[in-house]
Every structure is written in C-alpha cells, then in structure tokens.
Amino acid sequence: MRGMVADAVGDWREALAWQEGLFTDLAARSNFYSGLGFNRALTDFPPPAFEQALGFAGLLREPPEPIERYTPLAQPPVDKRERGFLERLSRSACR
C-alpha cells in the first residue's frame, strides 16, 4: 500500500529543503512536487471536473458582504473627558 501511495503522491519521508520562491512561484512549486515524485495526472482535470471540484471544496461561493454591513459604526464616546482626550489626540496627530 505504501508503495502505491508513494507512486501517486511522492515520497515525503526525508527532510524537505524549501527552495527560494517556492511559495510564490507556481512553476517552482510544481517542479518541487514533481521532483518528489508527485503524479501530475492526479490534478489534471478537464475544466468541467475542475469547476465541480472547486464547488465541492466551497471555493465558488460569492464573497461575503463588506464588513461594514455586519459591524455597527463606532459610536462617539459618551464621557466628555474621553471625547476631549480623543479630540486632542486627533488634532495632535494631524500636525
């Protein structure tokens, strides 16, 4: 069984050396996985199957509404001392 899995996804038992740009360069990352023996055919889906997999993973949902719709706007402080402090702080930051 281990041999079948290793043939498909590669052998990851040894310590890995993370190459420069591995997390930002798609080609470098793909080559890294292939170098470990990852079978690229496992992720080579026709477009309709790829879209279906994205749907199953929950990646095709509409993004949520902006946060402003969920969070009420901050209310000005009620305490006069606190309000005065924040006004002074705001004026000093603008200088």
C-alpha atoms as a PDB file:
ATOM      1  CA  MET A   1       0.000   0.000   0.000  1.00  0.00           C
ATOM      2  CA  ARG A   2       2.772   2.466   0.914  1.00  0.00           C
ATOM      3  CA  GLY A   3       4.348   1.889  -2.483  1.00  0.00           C
ATOM      4  CA  MET A   4       1.108   2.668  -4.300  1.00  0.00           C
ATOM      5  CA  VAL A   5       0.646   5.905  -2.369  1.00  0.00           C
ATOM      6  CA  ALA A   6       4.281   6.921  -2.855  1.00  0.00           C
ATOM      7  CA  ASP A   7       3.959   6.274  -6.599  1.00  0.00           C
ATOM      8  CA  ALA A   8       0.995   8.657  -6.746  1.00  0.00           C
ATOM      9  CA  VAL A   9       1.851  11.478  -4.347  1.00  0.00           C
ATOM     10  CA  GLY A  10       5.611  11.107  -3.976  1.00  0.00           C
ATOM     11  CA  ASP A  11       7.944  10.182  -1.181  1.00  0.00           C
ATOM     12  CA  TRP A  12       7.872  12.790   1.597  1.00  0.00           C
ATOM     13  CA  ARG A  13       9.744  10.827   4.277  1.00  0.00           C
ATOM     14  CA  GLU A  14      13.023  12.750   4.014  1.00  0.00           C
ATOM     15  CA  ALA A  15      13.531  16.251   5.427  1.00  0.00           C
ATOM     16  CA  LEU A  16      12.492  18.888   2.915  1.00  0.00           C
ATOM     17  CA  ALA A  17      14.647  21.790   1.800  1.00  0.00           C
ATOM     18  CA  TRP A  18      12.342  24.704   0.991  1.00  0.00           C
ATOM     19  CA  GLN A  19      13.667  26.452  -2.095  1.00  0.00           C
ATOM     20  CA  GLU A  20      13.664  30.219  -2.546  1.00  0.00           C
ATOM     21  CA  GLY A  21      10.408  31.396  -4.126  1.00  0.00           C
ATOM     22  CA  LEU A  22       8.685  28.053  -3.593  1.00  0.00           C
ATOM     23  CA  PHE A  23       5.623  29.649  -2.020  1.00  0.00           C
ATOM     24  CA  THR A  24       5.268  32.457  -4.567  1.00  0.00           C
ATOM     25  CA  ASP A  25       6.396  30.860  -7.854  1.00  0.00           C
ATOM     26  CA  LEU A  26       3.882  28.392  -9.295  1.00  0.00           C
ATOM     27  CA  ALA A  27       6.398  26.781 -11.679  1.00  0.00           C
ATOM     28  CA  ALA A  28       8.977  26.306  -8.901  1.00  0.00           C
ATOM     29  CA  ARG A  29       6.342  24.761  -6.630  1.00  0.00           C
ATOM     30  CA  SER A  30       5.119  22.427  -9.384  1.00  0.00           C
ATOM     31  CA  ASN A  31       8.675  21.321 -10.147  1.00  0.00           C
ATOM     32  CA  PHE A  32       9.324  20.786  -6.440  1.00  0.00           C
ATOM     33  CA  TYR A  33       6.331  18.448  -6.129  1.00  0.00           C
ATOM     34  CA  SER A  34       7.277  16.615  -9.313  1.00  0.00           C
ATOM     35  CA  GLY A  35      10.819  16.183  -8.020  1.00  0.00           C
ATOM     36  CA  LEU A  36       9.396  14.359  -5.005  1.00  0.00           C
ATOM     37  CA  GLY A  37       7.504  12.034  -7.333  1.00  0.00           C
ATOM     38  CA  PHE A  38       4.044  13.627  -7.296  1.00  0.00           C
ATOM     39  CA  ASN A  39       1.943  12.305 -10.185  1.00  0.00           C
ATOM     40  CA  ARG A  40       0.628  15.370 -12.020  1.00  0.00           C
ATOM     41  CA  ALA A  41      -2.141  13.305 -13.585  1.00  0.00           C
ATOM     42  CA  LEU A  42      -3.853  13.351 -10.172  1.00  0.00           C
ATOM     43  CA  THR A  43      -4.662  17.041 -10.642  1.00  0.00           C
ATOM     44  CA  ASP A  44      -5.066  17.175 -14.434  1.00  0.00           C
ATOM     45  CA  PHE A  45      -8.854  17.532 -14.589  1.00  0.00           C
ATOM     46  CA  PRO A  46     -10.896  18.625 -17.608  1.00  0.00           C
ATOM     47  CA  PRO A  47     -12.384  22.093 -16.980  1.00  0.00           C
ATOM     48  CA  PRO A  48     -15.896  20.857 -16.015  1.00  0.00           C
ATOM     49  CA  ALA A  49     -14.451  18.438 -13.446  1.00  0.00           C
ATOM     50  CA  PHE A  50     -12.155  21.155 -12.081  1.00  0.00           C
ATOM     51  CA  GLU A  51     -15.135  23.514 -11.652  1.00  0.00           C
ATOM     52  CA  GLN A  52     -17.057  20.730  -9.906  1.00  0.00           C
ATOM     53  CA  ALA A  53     -14.124  20.100  -7.537  1.00  0.00           C
ATOM     54  CA  LEU A  54     -13.977  23.824  -6.724  1.00  0.00           C
ATOM     55  CA  GLY A  55     -17.681  23.703  -5.925  1.00  0.00           C
ATOM     56  CA  PHE A  56     -17.284  20.663  -3.654  1.00  0.00           C
ATOM     57  CA  ALA A  57     -14.452  22.469  -1.841  1.00  0.00           C
ATOM     58  CA  GLY A  58     -16.679  25.520  -1.300  1.00  0.00           C
ATOM     59  CA  LEU A  59     -14.445  27.807  -3.364  1.00  0.00           C
ATOM     60  CA  LEU A  60     -17.109  29.045  -5.784  1.00  0.00           C
ATOM     61  CA  ARG A  61     -19.265  30.847  -3.230  1.00  0.00           C
ATOM     62  CA  GLU A  62     -19.911  34.545  -3.562  1.00  0.00           C
ATOM     63  CA  PRO A  63     -17.733  36.593  -1.217  1.00  0.00           C
ATOM     64  CA  PRO A  64     -19.458  37.882   1.920  1.00  0.00           C
ATOM     65  CA  GLU A  65     -20.795  41.394   2.142  1.00  0.00           C
ATOM     66  CA  PRO A  66     -18.288  44.060   3.236  1.00  0.00           C
ATOM     67  CA  ILE A  67     -17.622  44.084   6.955  1.00  0.00           C
ATOM     68  CA  GLU A  68     -19.352  47.470   7.361  1.00  0.00           C
ATOM     69  CA  ARG A  69     -22.699  45.771   6.847  1.00  0.00           C
ATOM     70  CA  TYR A  70     -22.063  43.409   9.745  1.00  0.00           C
ATOM     71  CA  THR A  71     -20.457  45.776  12.222  1.00  0.00           C
ATOM     72  CA  PRO A  72     -22.286  48.840  13.518  1.00  0.00           C
ATOM     73  CA  LEU A  73     -20.354  52.052  13.188  1.00  0.00           C
ATOM     74  CA  ALA A  74     -18.352  53.054  16.244  1.00  0.00           C
ATOM     75  CA  GLN A  75     -20.241  55.398  18.482  1.00  0.00           C
ATOM     76  CA  PRO A  76     -18.549  58.547  19.801  1.00  0.00           C
ATOM     77  CA  PRO A  77     -17.589  58.272  23.465  1.00  0.00           C
ATOM     78  CA  VAL A  78     -20.256  59.409  25.917  1.00  0.00           C
ATOM     79  CA  ASP A  79     -17.805  60.509  28.602  1.00  0.00           C
ATOM     80  CA  LYS A  80     -16.852  64.192  27.987  1.00  0.00           C
ATOM     81  CA  ARG A  81     -13.303  63.623  29.295  1.00  0.00           C
ATOM     82  CA  GLU A  82     -12.804  60.711  26.920  1.00  0.00           C
ATOM     83  CA  ARG A  83     -14.252  62.681  24.000  1.00  0.00           C
ATOM     84  CA  GLY A  84     -11.933  65.602  24.795  1.00  0.00           C
ATOM     85  CA  PHE A  85      -8.926  63.302  25.002  1.00  0.00           C
ATOM     86  CA  LEU A  86      -9.703  61.748  21.614  1.00  0.00           C
ATOM     87  CA  GLU A  87     -10.208  65.167  20.018  1.00  0.00           C
ATOM     88  CA  ARG A  88      -6.839  66.389  21.364  1.00  0.00           C
ATOM     89  CA  LEU A  89      -5.193  63.182  20.192  1.00  0.00           C
ATOM     90  CA  SER A  90      -6.704  63.576  16.741  1.00  0.00           C
ATOM     91  CA  ARG A  91      -5.548  67.217  16.479  1.00  0.00           C
ATOM     92  CA  SER A  92      -2.009  66.343  17.571  1.00  0.00           C
ATOM     93  CA  ALA A  93      -1.808  63.550  15.004  1.00  0.00           C
ATOM     94  CA  CYS A  94      -2.710  65.997  12.216  1.00  0.00           C
ATOM     95  CA  ARG A  95       0.205  68.316  12.986  1.00  0.00           C
END
